[in-house]
Amino acid sequence: MRHGKKINHLSRKTAHRKSMLANMACSLIEHKRINTTVAKAKALKQFVEPMITKSKEDTTHNRRIVMARMRQKEAVAELFRDVAPKVGDRPGGYTRIIKLGNRLGDNADMAMIELVDYNEIYNADKATKKTTRRSRRGGAKPAAAPAAETKASNEEEE
């Protein structure tokens, strides 16, 4: 029975697992999406989301905590500089896991994990807001009428 065992060990020892997740987190922040197995993607999601939450408040203490877990200065700098302002208003759920099917060699379940705010396909609908027209009347005539009146009043003054 697995009562209370929340962490997936991924068939690795502790040091190997921590290093692998740190490297995958750095790759995710650098490339904004990576392909991996479903189990590793779920473990990475639990690893990286608390660090993104910490990066929303740029303090020396938070930078040191994130640096201790990720171990790459460039990735930490990009996390605090680029990723944190983009996810600043989001209360959580910074990553998305999309299942891709099975790997050809060993039939492992594959998934793509990505940062939610960096997906242009899903966020394109939110960026352009569609306006619906309720009626055809009243739109063009009032806007054109004041322009014609001002032109006529300018000619009378001359």
Protein backbone atom coordinates (compact mmCIF):
# COMPACT_ATOMS: atom_id res chain seq x y z
CA MET A 1 0.00 0.00 0.00
CA ARG A 2 1.18 3.52 -0.73
CA HIS A 3 -0.50 5.46 2.06
CA GLY A 4 0.87 9.01 2.28
CA LYS A 5 3.55 8.53 -0.38
CA LYS A 6 3.09 11.54 -2.60
CA ILE A 7 6.45 11.71 -4.38
CA ASN A 8 7.15 9.61 -7.46
CA HIS A 9 10.70 8.33 -7.20
CA LEU A 10 10.92 7.72 -10.97
CA SER A 11 13.12 4.63 -10.39
CA ARG A 12 16.06 6.85 -9.44
CA LYS A 13 18.02 7.60 -6.32
CA THR A 14 17.51 10.95 -4.60
CA ALA A 15 20.53 12.81 -5.99
CA HIS A 16 19.85 11.65 -9.54
CA ARG A 17 16.18 12.57 -9.30
CA LYS A 18 16.90 16.06 -7.93
CA SER A 19 19.50 16.74 -10.60
CA MET A 20 17.22 15.49 -13.36
CA LEU A 21 14.30 17.64 -12.21
CA ALA A 22 16.56 20.69 -11.85
CA ASN A 23 17.86 20.23 -15.40
CA MET A 24 14.36 19.67 -16.77
CA ALA A 25 13.12 22.82 -14.98
CA CYS A 26 15.95 24.86 -16.51
CA SER A 27 15.12 23.48 -19.96
CA LEU A 28 11.44 24.27 -19.47
CA ILE A 29 12.19 27.87 -18.51
CA GLU A 30 14.65 28.28 -21.39
CA HIS A 31 12.56 26.69 -24.17
CA LYS A 32 9.05 27.28 -22.68
CA ARG A 33 7.99 23.70 -23.57
CA ILE A 34 9.66 20.29 -23.51
CA ASN A 35 8.69 16.73 -24.46
CA THR A 36 9.12 14.02 -21.84
CA THR A 37 7.29 11.06 -20.33
CA VAL A 38 4.01 11.62 -18.50
CA ALA A 39 5.46 10.56 -15.12
CA LYS A 40 8.41 12.94 -15.43
CA ALA A 41 6.11 15.75 -16.59
CA LYS A 42 3.90 15.31 -13.51
CA ALA A 43 6.95 15.26 -11.23
CA LEU A 44 8.34 18.34 -12.98
CA LYS A 45 5.06 20.19 -12.55
CA GLN A 46 5.24 19.68 -8.76
CA PHE A 47 8.90 20.76 -8.83
CA VAL A 48 8.68 23.92 -10.95
CA GLU A 49 5.38 25.53 -9.96
CA PRO A 50 6.45 26.49 -6.40
CA MET A 51 9.58 28.09 -7.88
CA ILE A 52 7.50 30.15 -10.32
CA THR A 53 5.36 31.26 -7.39
CA LYS A 54 8.51 32.33 -5.52
CA SER A 55 9.74 34.25 -8.57
CA LYS A 56 6.66 36.50 -8.51
CA GLU A 57 8.23 38.37 -5.59
CA ASP A 58 11.79 39.34 -6.52
CA THR A 59 13.73 39.28 -3.26
CA THR A 60 17.22 38.09 -2.51
CA HIS A 61 15.86 35.34 -0.28
CA ASN A 62 13.56 33.98 -3.01
CA ARG A 63 16.37 34.10 -5.58
CA ARG A 64 18.61 32.08 -3.26
CA ILE A 65 15.90 29.48 -2.61
CA VAL A 66 15.25 29.04 -6.35
CA MET A 67 18.99 29.02 -7.14
CA ALA A 68 19.56 26.25 -4.58
CA ARG A 69 17.07 24.01 -6.37
CA MET A 70 17.74 24.87 -10.05
CA ARG A 71 21.53 25.42 -9.96
CA GLN A 72 21.78 27.41 -13.24
CA LYS A 73 22.26 31.14 -12.96
CA GLU A 74 20.97 31.95 -16.46
CA ALA A 75 17.74 30.00 -15.97
CA VAL A 76 17.08 31.66 -12.60
CA ALA A 77 17.73 35.09 -14.12
CA GLU A 78 15.32 34.38 -16.97
CA LEU A 79 12.72 33.06 -14.54
CA PHE A 80 12.77 36.23 -12.45
CA ARG A 81 13.25 38.62 -15.40
CA ASP A 82 10.90 37.26 -18.10
CA VAL A 83 8.60 34.55 -16.77
CA ALA A 84 7.57 36.12 -13.44
CA PRO A 85 6.13 39.38 -14.87
CA LYS A 86 4.15 37.43 -17.45
CA VAL A 87 2.51 35.17 -14.84
CA GLY A 88 2.21 37.86 -12.16
CA ASP A 89 -1.59 38.01 -12.12
CA ARG A 90 -2.15 34.23 -12.37
CA PRO A 91 -2.92 32.58 -8.99
CA GLY A 92 -1.37 29.22 -9.94
CA GLY A 93 -1.40 26.60 -12.68
CA TYR A 94 1.59 27.93 -14.59
CA THR A 95 2.21 24.74 -16.59
CA ARG A 96 0.08 22.56 -18.85
CA ILE A 97 0.63 18.86 -19.63
CA ILE A 98 -0.57 17.65 -23.04
CA LYS A 99 -0.38 13.91 -23.70
CA LEU A 100 1.18 13.05 -27.06
CA GLY A 101 0.83 9.27 -27.35
CA ASN A 102 3.37 6.50 -27.01
CA ARG A 103 7.09 6.58 -27.77
CA LEU A 104 8.11 4.46 -30.72
CA GLY A 105 11.00 2.59 -29.08
CA ASP A 106 9.61 1.44 -25.75
CA ASN A 107 5.92 2.44 -25.92
CA ALA A 108 6.25 4.89 -23.02
CA ASP A 109 3.47 7.46 -22.57
CA MET A 110 4.82 10.79 -23.83
CA ALA A 111 3.68 14.28 -22.92
CA MET A 112 4.53 17.88 -23.66
CA ILE A 113 4.79 20.19 -20.66
CA GLU A 114 4.67 23.91 -21.38
CA LEU A 115 4.34 27.24 -19.66
CA VAL A 116 0.71 28.31 -20.08
CA ASP A 117 1.29 32.01 -20.80
CA TYR A 118 3.80 31.34 -23.58
CA ASN A 119 1.47 29.33 -25.85
CA GLU A 120 0.52 31.53 -28.83
CA ILE A 121 -2.20 29.16 -30.09
CA TYR A 122 -4.32 29.14 -26.93
CA ASN A 123 -3.66 32.78 -26.00
CA ALA A 124 -4.41 34.23 -29.45
CA ASP A 125 -8.16 34.11 -28.79
CA LYS A 126 -7.81 36.05 -25.55
CA ALA A 127 -5.60 38.74 -27.10
CA THR A 128 -8.04 39.75 -29.84
CA LYS A 129 -11.43 40.51 -28.38
CA LYS A 130 -14.34 40.08 -30.78
CA THR A 131 -17.07 42.70 -30.73
CA THR A 132 -20.57 41.78 -31.78
CA ARG A 133 -22.85 44.23 -33.52
CA ARG A 134 -26.32 44.33 -32.07
CA SER A 135 -27.98 46.46 -34.73
CA ARG A 136 -27.12 48.19 -37.97
CA ARG A 137 -28.71 51.51 -37.07
CA GLY A 138 -27.01 54.43 -35.48
CA GLY A 139 -23.37 53.54 -36.08
CA ALA A 140 -22.23 55.57 -39.08
CA LYS A 141 -24.61 58.55 -39.30
CA PRO A 142 -23.93 60.28 -35.94
CA ALA A 143 -20.18 60.04 -36.45
CA ALA A 144 -20.40 61.53 -39.96
CA ALA A 145 -22.87 64.29 -39.08
CA PRO A 146 -20.72 66.26 -36.61
CA ALA A 147 -17.78 66.15 -39.02
CA ALA A 148 -19.96 67.64 -41.78
CA GLU A 149 -21.26 70.34 -39.42
CA THR A 150 -17.79 71.38 -38.34
CA LYS A 151 -16.64 71.55 -41.96
CA ALA A 152 -19.65 73.75 -42.84
CA SER A 153 -19.07 76.03 -39.83
CA ASN A 154 -15.38 76.44 -40.76
CA GLU A 155 -16.35 77.54 -44.28
CA GLU A 156 -18.86 80.09 -42.95
CA GLU A 157 -16.27 81.67 -40.66
CA GLU A 158 -13.87 82.26 -43.56
